[in-house]
Amino acid sequence: MPAFQPVDSLLNAWTINARVNAYLIANTPDEAWRATYAKSDVAAALNESSQVLAAALRHALSTDGRIPGFKPDAAAFIACLFAHDAHRRGQICLLVRQPRHPISKSAGFGLWEWGTR
């Protein structure tokens, strides 16, 4: 069995997190979106942001572990990003439920299926 590769594992977790975000957007009912926010535009912006962050994380994790302007290090930055994204996913689920357009139960459970995303 190959040795555990922490950098690869953290970057893979970031990629899964991005796919979970995309999954939530894809499974948010069209009726829940306001005219000023197109679902496809949000998905594209999230994808672009995820790719830029992945490149920054890959660089930091393969060099000195620092993220400019953030302390203590890249691992803590990833944890902060995960917490931020999870909070935003919760806000999206709450906001779409208020006008009576909740995501489906299967989509809600799907947000936790990181092994298949």
PDB file of N, CA and C in Angstrom:
ATOM      1  N   MET A   1       0.848  -1.173   0.000  1.00  0.00           N
ATOM      2  CA  MET A   1       0.000   0.000   0.000  1.00  0.00           C
ATOM      3  C   MET A   1       0.900   1.244   0.000  1.00  0.00           C
ATOM      4  N   PRO A   2       0.612   2.211  -0.888  1.00  0.00           N
ATOM      5  CA  PRO A   2       1.439   3.421  -0.920  1.00  0.00           C
ATOM      6  C   PRO A   2       1.263   4.255   0.347  1.00  0.00           C
ATOM      7  N   ALA A   3       2.285   5.019   0.659  1.00  0.00           N
ATOM      8  CA  ALA A   3       2.242   5.884   1.846  1.00  0.00           C
ATOM      9  C   ALA A   3       1.179   6.970   1.673  1.00  0.00           C
ATOM     10  N   PHE A   4       0.597   7.361   2.779  1.00  0.00           N
ATOM     11  CA  PHE A   4      -0.392   8.440   2.790  1.00  0.00           C
ATOM     12  C   PHE A   4       0.270   9.733   2.324  1.00  0.00           C
ATOM     13  N   GLN A   5      -0.391  10.423   1.425  1.00  0.00           N
ATOM     14  CA  GLN A   5       0.127  11.671   0.880  1.00  0.00           C
ATOM     15  C   GLN A   5      -0.751  12.827   1.371  1.00  0.00           C
ATOM     16  N   PRO A   6      -0.376  13.491   2.460  1.00  0.00           N
ATOM     17  CA  PRO A   6      -1.242  14.523   3.042  1.00  0.00           C
ATOM     18  C   PRO A   6      -1.569  15.664   2.092  1.00  0.00           C
ATOM     19  N   VAL A   7      -0.617  16.114   1.288  1.00  0.00           N
ATOM     20  CA  VAL A   7      -0.895  17.219   0.359  1.00  0.00           C
ATOM     21  C   VAL A   7      -1.953  16.798  -0.647  1.00  0.00           C
ATOM     22  N   ASP A   8      -1.768  15.633  -1.252  1.00  0.00           N
ATOM     23  CA  ASP A   8      -2.749  15.133  -2.215  1.00  0.00           C
ATOM     24  C   ASP A   8      -4.113  14.940  -1.564  1.00  0.00           C
ATOM     25  N   SER A   9      -4.108  14.441  -0.354  1.00  0.00           N
ATOM     26  CA  SER A   9      -5.359  14.203   0.357  1.00  0.00           C
ATOM     27  C   SER A   9      -6.097  15.509   0.652  1.00  0.00           C
ATOM     28  N   LEU A  10      -5.377  16.533   1.110  1.00  0.00           N
ATOM     29  CA  LEU A  10      -6.010  17.821   1.378  1.00  0.00           C
ATOM     30  C   LEU A  10      -6.545  18.459   0.099  1.00  0.00           C
ATOM     31  N   LEU A  11      -5.785  18.371  -0.981  1.00  0.00           N
ATOM     32  CA  LEU A  11      -6.251  18.929  -2.253  1.00  0.00           C
ATOM     33  C   LEU A  11      -7.451  18.157  -2.787  1.00  0.00           C
ATOM     34  N   ASN A  12      -7.471  16.854  -2.578  1.00  0.00           N
ATOM     35  CA  ASN A  12      -8.624  16.052  -2.973  1.00  0.00           C
ATOM     36  C   ASN A  12      -9.853  16.444  -2.157  1.00  0.00           C
ATOM     37  N   ALA A  13      -9.669  16.669  -0.870  1.00  0.00           N
ATOM     38  CA  ALA A  13     -10.788  17.107  -0.025  1.00  0.00           C
ATOM     39  C   ALA A  13     -11.316  18.454  -0.497  1.00  0.00           C
ATOM     40  N   TRP A  14     -10.425  19.347  -0.906  1.00  0.00           N
ATOM     41  CA  TRP A  14     -10.864  20.651  -1.430  1.00  0.00           C
ATOM     42  C   TRP A  14     -11.684  20.456  -2.713  1.00  0.00           C
ATOM     43  N   THR A  15     -11.241  19.550  -3.577  1.00  0.00           N
ATOM     44  CA  THR A  15     -11.958  19.279  -4.821  1.00  0.00           C
ATOM     45  C   THR A  15     -13.347  18.708  -4.522  1.00  0.00           C
ATOM     46  N   ILE A  16     -13.437  17.813  -3.565  1.00  0.00           N
ATOM     47  CA  ILE A  16     -14.736  17.253  -3.176  1.00  0.00           C
ATOM     48  C   ILE A  16     -15.635  18.355  -2.621  1.00  0.00           C
ATOM     49  N   ASN A  17     -15.092  19.220  -1.789  1.00  0.00           N
ATOM     50  CA  ASN A  17     -15.856  20.342  -1.244  1.00  0.00           C
ATOM     51  C   ASN A  17     -16.442  21.187  -2.379  1.00  0.00           C
ATOM     52  N   ALA A  18     -15.639  21.452  -3.397  1.00  0.00           N
ATOM     53  CA  ALA A  18     -16.115  22.234  -4.545  1.00  0.00           C
ATOM     54  C   ALA A  18     -17.237  21.504  -5.275  1.00  0.00           C
ATOM     55  N   ARG A  19     -17.111  20.181  -5.413  1.00  0.00           N
ATOM     56  CA  ARG A  19     -18.176  19.418  -6.080  1.00  0.00           C
ATOM     57  C   ARG A  19     -19.453  19.401  -5.251  1.00  0.00           C
ATOM     58  N   VAL A  20     -19.327  19.381  -3.926  1.00  0.00           N
ATOM     59  CA  VAL A  20     -20.506  19.447  -3.059  1.00  0.00           C
ATOM     60  C   VAL A  20     -21.195  20.800  -3.229  1.00  0.00           C
ATOM     61  N   ASN A  21     -20.410  21.878  -3.316  1.00  0.00           N
ATOM     62  CA  ASN A  21     -21.002  23.193  -3.568  1.00  0.00           C
ATOM     63  C   ASN A  21     -21.747  23.210  -4.894  1.00  0.00           C
ATOM     64  N   ALA A  22     -21.117  22.669  -5.936  1.00  0.00           N
ATOM     65  CA  ALA A  22     -21.746  22.614  -7.259  1.00  0.00           C
ATOM     66  C   ALA A  22     -23.012  21.759  -7.226  1.00  0.00           C
ATOM     67  N   TYR A  23     -22.971  20.669  -6.479  1.00  0.00           N
ATOM     68  CA  TYR A  23     -24.129  19.786  -6.333  1.00  0.00           C
ATOM     69  C   TYR A  23     -25.299  20.538  -5.705  1.00  0.00           C
ATOM     70  N   LEU A  24     -25.017  21.332  -4.681  1.00  0.00           N
ATOM     71  CA  LEU A  24     -26.078  22.103  -4.038  1.00  0.00           C
ATOM     72  C   LEU A  24     -26.688  23.097  -5.024  1.00  0.00           C
ATOM     73  N   ILE A  25     -25.854  23.816  -5.749  1.00  0.00           N
ATOM     74  CA  ILE A  25     -26.371  24.788  -6.720  1.00  0.00           C
ATOM     75  C   ILE A  25     -27.207  24.069  -7.781  1.00  0.00           C
ATOM     76  N   ALA A  26     -26.709  22.966  -8.288  1.00  0.00           N
ATOM     77  CA  ALA A  26     -27.442  22.215  -9.320  1.00  0.00           C
ATOM     78  C   ALA A  26     -28.777  21.693  -8.812  1.00  0.00           C
ATOM     79  N   ASN A  27     -28.855  21.390  -7.512  1.00  0.00           N
ATOM     80  CA  ASN A  27     -30.081  20.821  -6.951  1.00  0.00           C
ATOM     81  C   ASN A  27     -30.966  21.839  -6.243  1.00  0.00           C
ATOM     82  N   THR A  28     -30.634  23.111  -6.375  1.00  0.00           N
ATOM     83  CA  THR A  28     -31.501  24.158  -5.854  1.00  0.00           C
ATOM     84  C   THR A  28     -32.577  24.411  -6.895  1.00  0.00           C
ATOM     85  N   PRO A  29     -33.852  24.352  -6.512  1.00  0.00           N
ATOM     86  CA  PRO A  29     -34.923  24.531  -7.498  1.00  0.00           C
ATOM     87  C   PRO A  29     -34.798  25.859  -8.244  1.00  0.00           C
ATOM     88  N   ASP A  30     -35.051  25.818  -9.541  1.00  0.00           N
ATOM     89  CA  ASP A  30     -34.965  27.025 -10.356  1.00  0.00           C
ATOM     90  C   ASP A  30     -35.844  28.145  -9.811  1.00  0.00           C
ATOM     91  N   GLU A  31     -37.000  27.789  -9.242  1.00  0.00           N
ATOM     92  CA  GLU A  31     -37.929  28.787  -8.722  1.00  0.00           C
ATOM     93  C   GLU A  31     -37.346  29.578  -7.558  1.00  0.00           C
ATOM     94  N   ALA A  32     -36.325  29.039  -6.912  1.00  0.00           N
ATOM     95  CA  ALA A  32     -35.744  29.689  -5.744  1.00  0.00           C
ATOM     96  C   ALA A  32     -34.768  30.803  -6.120  1.00  0.00           C
ATOM     97  N   TRP A  33     -34.373  30.858  -7.382  1.00  0.00           N
ATOM     98  CA  TRP A  33     -33.383  31.846  -7.807  1.00  0.00           C
ATOM     99  C   TRP A  33     -34.062  33.162  -8.153  1.00  0.00           C
ATOM    100  N   ARG A  34     -33.444  34.238  -7.712  1.00  0.00           N
ATOM    101  CA  ARG A  34     -33.936  35.568  -8.054  1.00  0.00           C
ATOM    102  C   ARG A  34     -33.420  35.930  -9.436  1.00  0.00           C
ATOM    103  N   ALA A  35     -34.127  36.823 -10.092  1.00  0.00           N
ATOM    104  CA  ALA A  35     -33.768  37.212 -11.459  1.00  0.00           C
ATOM    105  C   ALA A  35     -32.351  37.786 -11.560  1.00  0.00           C
ATOM    106  N   THR A  36     -31.848  38.364 -10.487  1.00  0.00           N
ATOM    107  CA  THR A  36     -30.521  38.975 -10.543  1.00  0.00           C
ATOM    108  C   THR A  36     -29.392  37.962 -10.442  1.00  0.00           C
ATOM    109  N   TYR A  37     -29.696  36.747 -10.043  1.00  0.00           N
ATOM    110  CA  TYR A  37     -28.670  35.717  -9.908  1.00  0.00           C
ATOM    111  C   TYR A  37     -29.030  34.525 -10.773  1.00  0.00           C
ATOM    112  N   ALA A  38     -28.303  34.346 -11.856  1.00  0.00           N
ATOM    113  CA  ALA A  38     -28.533  33.188 -12.709  1.00  0.00           C
ATOM    114  C   ALA A  38     -27.790  31.994 -12.122  1.00  0.00           C
ATOM    115  N   LYS A  39     -28.471  30.878 -12.040  1.00  0.00           N
ATOM    116  CA  LYS A  39     -27.887  29.657 -11.485  1.00  0.00           C
ATOM    117  C   LYS A  39     -26.570  29.302 -12.189  1.00  0.00           C
ATOM    118  N   SER A  40     -26.556  29.418 -13.498  1.00  0.00           N
ATOM    119  CA  SER A  40     -25.349  29.074 -14.251  1.00  0.00           C
ATOM    120  C   SER A  40     -24.198  30.031 -13.951  1.00  0.00           C
ATOM    121  N   ASP A  41     -24.510  31.311 -13.726  1.00  0.00           N
ATOM    122  CA  ASP A  41     -23.463  32.279 -13.391  1.00  0.00           C
ATOM    123  C   ASP A  41     -22.860  31.978 -12.020  1.00  0.00           C
ATOM    124  N   VAL A  42     -23.711  31.618 -11.067  1.00  0.00           N
ATOM    125  CA  VAL A  42     -23.228  31.276  -9.729  1.00  0.00           C
ATOM    126  C   VAL A  42     -22.349  30.031  -9.804  1.00  0.00           C
ATOM    127  N   ALA A  43     -22.794  29.026 -10.540  1.00  0.00           N
ATOM    128  CA  ALA A  43     -22.013  27.795 -10.678  1.00  0.00           C
ATOM    129  C   ALA A  43     -20.659  28.079 -11.326  1.00  0.00           C
ATOM    130  N   ALA A  44     -20.643  28.925 -12.356  1.00  0.00           N
ATOM    131  CA  ALA A  44     -19.384  29.257 -13.035  1.00  0.00           C
ATOM    132  C   ALA A  44     -18.446  30.024 -12.114  1.00  0.00           C
ATOM    133  N   ALA A  45     -18.975  30.958 -11.342  1.00  0.00           N
ATOM    134  CA  ALA A  45     -18.153  31.741 -10.418  1.00  0.00           C
ATOM    135  C   ALA A  45     -17.569  30.843  -9.325  1.00  0.00           C
ATOM    136  N   LEU A  46     -18.388  29.931  -8.798  1.00  0.00           N
ATOM    137  CA  LEU A  46     -17.888  29.001  -7.779  1.00  0.00           C
ATOM    138  C   LEU A  46     -16.791  28.110  -8.345  1.00  0.00           C
ATOM    139  N   ASN A  47     -16.959  27.642  -9.559  1.00  0.00           N
ATOM    140  CA  ASN A  47     -15.958  26.788 -10.193  1.00  0.00           C
ATOM    141  C   ASN A  47     -14.642  27.541 -10.384  1.00  0.00           C
ATOM    142  N   GLU A  48     -14.732  28.769 -10.874  1.00  0.00           N
ATOM    143  CA  GLU A  48     -13.523  29.573 -11.075  1.00  0.00           C
ATOM    144  C   GLU A  48     -12.813  29.841  -9.745  1.00  0.00           C
ATOM    145  N   SER A  49     -13.576  30.221  -8.742  1.00  0.00           N
ATOM    146  CA  SER A  49     -13.011  30.481  -7.414  1.00  0.00           C
ATOM    147  C   SER A  49     -12.334  29.243  -6.857  1.00  0.00           C
ATOM    148  N   SER A  50     -12.978  28.101  -7.006  1.00  0.00           N
ATOM    149  CA  SER A  50     -12.418  26.851  -6.501  1.00  0.00           C
ATOM    150  C   SER A  50     -11.097  26.521  -7.169  1.00  0.00           C
ATOM    151  N   GLN A  51     -11.012  26.741  -8.470  1.00  0.00           N
ATOM    152  CA  GLN A  51      -9.780  26.445  -9.199  1.00  0.00           C
ATOM    153  C   GLN A  51      -8.640  27.375  -8.781  1.00  0.00           C
ATOM    154  N   VAL A  52      -8.944  28.656  -8.595  1.00  0.00           N
ATOM    155  CA  VAL A  52      -7.921  29.606  -8.157  1.00  0.00           C
ATOM    156  C   VAL A  52      -7.424  29.230  -6.762  1.00  0.00           C
ATOM    157  N   LEU A  53      -8.359  28.918  -5.863  1.00  0.00           N
ATOM    158  CA  LEU A  53      -7.962  28.515  -4.515  1.00  0.00           C
ATOM    159  C   LEU A  53      -7.175  27.213  -4.529  1.00  0.00           C
ATOM    160  N   ALA A  54      -7.552  26.271  -5.375  1.00  0.00           N
ATOM    161  CA  ALA A  54      -6.818  25.006  -5.469  1.00  0.00           C
ATOM    162  C   ALA A  54      -5.375  25.255  -5.877  1.00  0.00           C
ATOM    163  N   ALA A  55      -5.165  26.154  -6.824  1.00  0.00           N
ATOM    164  CA  ALA A  55      -3.799  26.468  -7.259  1.00  0.00           C
ATOM    165  C   ALA A  55      -3.007  27.105  -6.118  1.00  0.00           C
ATOM    166  N   ALA A  56      -3.638  28.025  -5.381  1.00  0.00           N
ATOM    167  CA  ALA A  56      -2.954  28.662  -4.247  1.00  0.00           C
ATOM    168  C   ALA A  56      -2.640  27.642  -3.165  1.00  0.00           C
ATOM    169  N   LEU A  57      -3.582  26.757  -2.901  1.00  0.00           N
ATOM    170  CA  LEU A  57      -3.365  25.718  -1.890  1.00  0.00           C
ATOM    171  C   LEU A  57      -2.258  24.762  -2.314  1.00  0.00           C
ATOM    172  N   ARG A  58      -2.296  24.347  -3.576  1.00  0.00           N
ATOM    173  CA  ARG A  58      -1.265  23.434  -4.082  1.00  0.00           C
ATOM    174  C   ARG A  58       0.113  24.062  -3.926  1.00  0.00           C
ATOM    175  N   HIS A  59       0.225  25.344  -4.263  1.00  0.00           N
ATOM    176  CA  HIS A  59       1.510  26.030  -4.136  1.00  0.00           C
ATOM    177  C   HIS A  59       1.950  26.087  -2.670  1.00  0.00           C
ATOM    178  N   ALA A  60       1.056  26.532  -1.803  1.00  0.00           N
ATOM    179  CA  ALA A  60       1.402  26.671  -0.381  1.00  0.00           C
ATOM    180  C   ALA A  60       1.772  25.333   0.242  1.00  0.00           C
ATOM    181  N   LEU A  61       1.002  24.299  -0.079  1.00  0.00           N
ATOM    182  CA  LEU A  61       1.249  22.993   0.529  1.00  0.00           C
ATOM    183  C   LEU A  61       2.521  22.329   0.007  1.00  0.00           C
ATOM    184  N   SER A  62       2.963  22.719  -1.183  1.00  0.00           N
ATOM    185  CA  SER A  62       4.169  22.104  -1.739  1.00  0.00           C
ATOM    186  C   SER A  62       5.417  22.964  -1.508  1.00  0.00           C
ATOM    187  N   THR A  63       5.233  24.124  -0.849  1.00  0.00           N
ATOM    188  CA  THR A  63       6.395  24.969  -0.543  1.00  0.00           C
ATOM    189  C   THR A  63       6.508  25.141   0.973  1.00  0.00           C
ATOM    190  N   ASP A  64       6.341  26.371   1.452  1.00  0.00           N
ATOM    191  CA  ASP A  64       6.556  26.643   2.872  1.00  0.00           C
ATOM    192  C   ASP A  64       5.294  26.574   3.722  1.00  0.00           C
ATOM    193  N   GLY A  65       4.142  26.257   3.113  1.00  0.00           N
ATOM    194  CA  GLY A  65       2.897  26.101   3.865  1.00  0.00           C
ATOM    195  C   GLY A  65       2.209  27.398   4.240  1.00  0.00           C
ATOM    196  N   ARG A  66       2.730  28.518   3.746  1.00  0.00           N
ATOM    197  CA  ARG A  66       2.130  29.801   4.110  1.00  0.00           C
ATOM    198  C   ARG A  66       1.162  30.298   3.050  1.00  0.00           C
ATOM    199  N   ILE A  67       0.117  30.971   3.532  1.00  0.00           N
ATOM    200  CA  ILE A  67      -0.841  31.676   2.687  1.00  0.00           C
ATOM    201  C   ILE A  67      -0.665  33.158   3.002  1.00  0.00           C
ATOM    202  N   PRO A  68      -0.292  33.975   2.022  1.00  0.00           N
ATOM    203  CA  PRO A  68      -0.098  35.400   2.304  1.00  0.00           C
ATOM    204  C   PRO A  68      -1.344  36.032   2.936  1.00  0.00           C
ATOM    205  N   GLY A  69      -1.133  36.727   4.033  1.00  0.00           N
ATOM    206  CA  GLY A  69      -2.221  37.409   4.722  1.00  0.00           C
ATOM    207  C   GLY A  69      -3.053  36.536   5.633  1.00  0.00           C
ATOM    208  N   PHE A  70      -2.666  35.272   5.800  1.00  0.00           N
ATOM    209  CA  PHE A  70      -3.414  34.356   6.669  1.00  0.00           C
ATOM    210  C   PHE A  70      -2.441  33.626   7.580  1.00  0.00           C
ATOM    211  N   LYS A  71      -2.792  33.500   8.832  1.00  0.00           N
ATOM    212  CA  LYS A  71      -1.987  32.744   9.791  1.00  0.00           C
ATOM    213  C   LYS A  71      -2.878  31.720  10.457  1.00  0.00           C
ATOM    214  N   PRO A  72      -2.399  30.548  10.799  1.00  0.00           N
ATOM    215  CA  PRO A  72      -0.999  30.200  10.869  1.00  0.00           C
ATOM    216  C   PRO A  72      -0.434  29.569   9.596  1.00  0.00           C
ATOM    217  N   ASP A  73      -1.245  28.789   8.852  1.00  0.00           N
ATOM    218  CA  ASP A  73      -0.670  28.091   7.708  1.00  0.00           C
ATOM    219  C   ASP A  73      -1.766  27.614   6.750  1.00  0.00           C
ATOM    220  N   ALA A  74      -1.331  26.921   5.700  1.00  0.00           N
ATOM    221  CA  ALA A  74      -2.251  26.461   4.656  1.00  0.00           C
ATOM    222  C   ALA A  74      -3.278  25.459   5.175  1.00  0.00           C
ATOM    223  N   ALA A  75      -2.894  24.587   6.092  1.00  0.00           N
ATOM    224  CA  ALA A  75      -3.850  23.609   6.634  1.00  0.00           C
ATOM    225  C   ALA A  75      -4.975  24.320   7.383  1.00  0.00           C
ATOM    226  N   ALA A  76      -4.629  25.329   8.162  1.00  0.00           N
ATOM    227  CA  ALA A  76      -5.653  26.101   8.868  1.00  0.00           C
ATOM    228  C   ALA A  76      -6.511  26.884   7.885  1.00  0.00           C
ATOM    229  N   PHE A  77      -5.908  27.341   6.803  1.00  0.00           N
ATOM    230  CA  PHE A  77      -6.655  28.062   5.767  1.00  0.00           C
ATOM    231  C   PHE A  77      -7.695  27.151   5.120  1.00  0.00           C
ATOM    232  N   ILE A  78      -7.302  25.915   4.832  1.00  0.00           N
ATOM    233  CA  ILE A  78      -8.245  24.952   4.257  1.00  0.00           C
ATOM    234  C   ILE A  78      -9.395  24.705   5.231  1.00  0.00           C
ATOM    235  N   ALA A  79      -9.071  24.531   6.500  1.00  0.00           N
ATOM    236  CA  ALA A  79     -10.129  24.330   7.509  1.00  0.00           C
ATOM    237  C   ALA A  79     -11.074  25.520   7.544  1.00  0.00           C
ATOM    238  N   CYS A  80     -10.524  26.715   7.443  1.00  0.00           N
ATOM    239  CA  CYS A  80     -11.346  27.926   7.419  1.00  0.00           C
ATOM    240  C   CYS A  80     -12.245  27.944   6.183  1.00  0.00           C
ATOM    241  N   LEU A  81     -11.687  27.560   5.041  1.00  0.00           N
ATOM    242  CA  LEU A  81     -12.487  27.512   3.807  1.00  0.00           C
ATOM    243  C   LEU A  81     -13.618  26.491   3.914  1.00  0.00           C
ATOM    244  N   PHE A  82     -13.327  25.330   4.479  1.00  0.00           N
ATOM    245  CA  PHE A  82     -14.364  24.313   4.642  1.00  0.00           C
ATOM    246  C   PHE A  82     -15.486  24.829   5.541  1.00  0.00           C
ATOM    247  N   ALA A  83     -15.111  25.466   6.649  1.00  0.00           N
ATOM    248  CA  ALA A  83     -16.114  26.004   7.571  1.00  0.00           C
ATOM    249  C   ALA A  83     -16.941  27.083   6.884  1.00  0.00           C
ATOM    250  N   HIS A  84     -16.276  27.946   6.135  1.00  0.00           N
ATOM    251  CA  HIS A  84     -16.971  29.015   5.416  1.00  0.00           C
ATOM    252  C   HIS A  84     -17.965  28.435   4.412  1.00  0.00           C
ATOM    253  N   ASP A  85     -17.506  27.480   3.608  1.00  0.00           N
ATOM    254  CA  ASP A  85     -18.383  26.889   2.599  1.00  0.00           C
ATOM    255  C   ASP A  85     -19.555  26.150   3.236  1.00  0.00           C
ATOM    256  N   ALA A  86     -19.305  25.416   4.316  1.00  0.00           N
ATOM    257  CA  ALA A  86     -20.399  24.707   4.992  1.00  0.00           C
ATOM    258  C   ALA A  86     -21.429  25.699   5.526  1.00  0.00           C
ATOM    259  N   HIS A  87     -20.971  26.809   6.076  1.00  0.00           N
ATOM    260  CA  HIS A  87     -21.881  27.846   6.568  1.00  0.00           C
ATOM    261  C   HIS A  87     -22.710  28.400   5.416  1.00  0.00           C
ATOM    262  N   ARG A  88     -22.077  28.684   4.294  1.00  0.00           N
ATOM    263  CA  ARG A  88     -22.806  29.216   3.134  1.00  0.00           C
ATOM    264  C   ARG A  88     -23.800  28.195   2.585  1.00  0.00           C
ATOM    265  N   ARG A  89     -23.422  26.916   2.577  1.00  0.00           N
ATOM    266  CA  ARG A  89     -24.379  25.898   2.117  1.00  0.00           C
ATOM    267  C   ARG A  89     -25.602  25.883   3.022  1.00  0.00           C
ATOM    268  N   GLY A  90     -25.384  25.999   4.323  1.00  0.00           N
ATOM    269  CA  GLY A  90     -26.508  26.063   5.255  1.00  0.00           C
ATOM    270  C   GLY A  90     -27.382  27.272   5.000  1.00  0.00           C
ATOM    271  N   GLN A  91     -26.761  28.411   4.714  1.00  0.00           N
ATOM    272  CA  GLN A  91     -27.535  29.618   4.417  1.00  0.00           C
ATOM    273  C   GLN A  91     -28.361  29.438   3.157  1.00  0.00           C
ATOM    274  N   ILE A  92     -27.779  28.828   2.133  1.00  0.00           N
ATOM    275  CA  ILE A  92     -28.525  28.598   0.886  1.00  0.00           C
ATOM    276  C   ILE A  92     -29.718  27.696   1.157  1.00  0.00           C
ATOM    277  N   CYS A  93     -29.503  26.615   1.885  1.00  0.00           N
ATOM    278  CA  CYS A  93     -30.615  25.700   2.196  1.00  0.00           C
ATOM    279  C   CYS A  93     -31.721  26.427   2.956  1.00  0.00           C
ATOM    280  N   LEU A  94     -31.356  27.276   3.893  1.00  0.00           N
ATOM    281  CA  LEU A  94     -32.339  28.030   4.657  1.00  0.00           C
ATOM    282  C   LEU A  94     -33.063  29.044   3.773  1.00  0.00           C
ATOM    283  N   LEU A  95     -32.335  29.772   2.961  1.00  0.00           N
ATOM    284  CA  LEU A  95     -32.945  30.811   2.126  1.00  0.00           C
ATOM    285  C   LEU A  95     -33.904  30.251   1.086  1.00  0.00           C
ATOM    286  N   VAL A  96     -33.579  29.099   0.512  1.00  0.00           N
ATOM    287  CA  VAL A  96     -34.491  28.542  -0.497  1.00  0.00           C
ATOM    288  C   VAL A  96     -35.709  27.896   0.156  1.00  0.00           C
ATOM    289  N   ARG A  97     -35.599  27.534   1.407  1.00  0.00           N
ATOM    290  CA  ARG A  97     -36.734  26.959   2.125  1.00  0.00           C
ATOM    291  C   ARG A  97     -37.768  28.041   2.466  1.00  0.00           C
ATOM    292  N   GLN A  98     -37.316  29.260   2.744  1.00  0.00           N
ATOM    293  CA  GLN A  98     -38.220  30.331   3.164  1.00  0.00           C
ATOM    294  C   GLN A  98     -39.304  30.645   2.132  1.00  0.00           C
ATOM    295  N   PRO A  99     -38.986  30.763   0.837  1.00  0.00           N
ATOM    296  CA  PRO A  99     -40.075  31.010  -0.123  1.00  0.00           C
ATOM    297  C   PRO A  99     -40.758  29.710  -0.592  1.00  0.00           C
ATOM    298  N   ARG A 100     -40.551  28.653   0.182  1.00  0.00           N
ATOM    299  CA  ARG A 100     -41.165  27.345  -0.089  1.00  0.00           C
ATOM    300  C   ARG A 100     -40.642  26.665  -1.361  1.00  0.00           C
ATOM    301  N   HIS A 101     -39.339  26.745  -1.536  1.00  0.00           N
ATOM    302  CA  HIS A 101     -38.671  26.051  -2.643  1.00  0.00           C
ATOM    303  C   HIS A 101     -37.476  25.264  -2.115  1.00  0.00           C
ATOM    304  N   PRO A 102     -37.669  24.420  -1.100  1.00  0.00           N
ATOM    305  CA  PRO A 102     -36.517  23.721  -0.513  1.00  0.00           C
ATOM    306  C   PRO A 102     -35.878  22.742  -1.485  1.00  0.00           C
ATOM    307  N   ILE A 103     -34.621  22.443  -1.212  1.00  0.00           N
ATOM    308  CA  ILE A 103     -33.992  21.375  -1.987  1.00  0.00           C
ATOM    309  C   ILE A 103     -34.644  20.063  -1.565  1.00  0.00           C
ATOM    310  N   SER A 104     -34.562  19.063  -2.415  1.00  0.00           N
ATOM    311  CA  SER A 104     -35.185  17.777  -2.105  1.00  0.00           C
ATOM    312  C   SER A 104     -34.452  17.103  -0.947  1.00  0.00           C
ATOM    313  N   LYS A 105     -35.136  16.164  -0.308  1.00  0.00           N
ATOM    314  CA  LYS A 105     -34.492  15.414   0.781  1.00  0.00           C
ATOM    315  C   LYS A 105     -33.280  14.652   0.268  1.00  0.00           C
ATOM    316  N   SER A 106     -33.400  14.063  -0.921  1.00  0.00           N
ATOM    317  CA  SER A 106     -32.265  13.296  -1.446  1.00  0.00           C
ATOM    318  C   SER A 106     -31.078  14.218  -1.727  1.00  0.00           C
ATOM    319  N   ALA A 107     -31.338  15.435  -2.208  1.00  0.00           N
ATOM    320  CA  ALA A 107     -30.240  16.386  -2.426  1.00  0.00           C
ATOM    321  C   ALA A 107     -29.631  16.811  -1.095  1.00  0.00           C
ATOM    322  N   GLY A 108     -30.469  17.003  -0.087  1.00  0.00           N
ATOM    323  CA  GLY A 108     -29.970  17.360   1.240  1.00  0.00           C
ATOM    324  C   GLY A 108     -29.049  16.292   1.800  1.00  0.00           C
ATOM    325  N   PHE A 109     -29.453  15.041   1.660  1.00  0.00           N
ATOM    326  CA  PHE A 109     -28.587  13.947   2.115  1.00  0.00           C
ATOM    327  C   PHE A 109     -27.341  13.853   1.235  1.00  0.00           C
ATOM    328  N   GLY A 110     -27.502  14.169  -0.048  1.00  0.00           N
ATOM    329  CA  GLY A 110     -26.374  14.115  -0.976  1.00  0.00           C
ATOM    330  C   GLY A 110     -25.239  15.057  -0.622  1.00  0.00           C
ATOM    331  N   LEU A 111     -25.569  16.133   0.099  1.00  0.00           N
ATOM    332  CA  LEU A 111     -24.526  17.069   0.518  1.00  0.00           C
ATOM    333  C   LEU A 111     -23.517  16.412   1.462  1.00  0.00           C
ATOM    334  N   TRP A 112     -23.920  15.319   2.079  1.00  0.00           N
ATOM    335  CA  TRP A 112     -23.050  14.630   3.042  1.00  0.00           C
ATOM    336  C   TRP A 112     -22.346  13.422   2.436  1.00  0.00           C
ATOM    337  N   GLU A 113     -22.562  13.137   1.170  1.00  0.00           N
ATOM    338  CA  GLU A 113     -21.994  11.962   0.535  1.00  0.00           C
ATOM    339  C   GLU A 113     -20.664  12.293  -0.152  1.00  0.00           C
ATOM    340  N   TRP A 114     -19.699  12.686   0.659  1.00  0.00           N
ATOM    341  CA  TRP A 114     -18.410  13.102   0.133  1.00  0.00           C
ATOM    342  C   TRP A 114     -17.673  11.965  -0.557  1.00  0.00           C
ATOM    343  N   GLY A 115     -17.968  10.742  -0.193  1.00  0.00           N
ATOM    344  CA  GLY A 115     -17.303   9.599  -0.821  1.00  0.00           C
ATOM    345  C   GLY A 115     -17.754   9.352  -2.243  1.00  0.00           C
ATOM    346  N   THR A 116     -18.854   9.983  -2.653  1.00  0.00           N
ATOM    347  CA  THR A 116     -19.363   9.783  -4.016  1.00  0.00           C
ATOM    348  C   THR A 116     -19.347  11.064  -4.847  1.00  0.00           C
ATOM    349  N   ARG A 117     -18.909  12.160  -4.298  1.00  0.00           N
ATOM    350  CA  ARG A 117     -18.922  13.445  -5.020  1.00  0.00           C
ATOM    351  C   ARG A 117     -17.636  13.638  -5.755  1.00  0.00           C
TER     352      ARG A 117
END
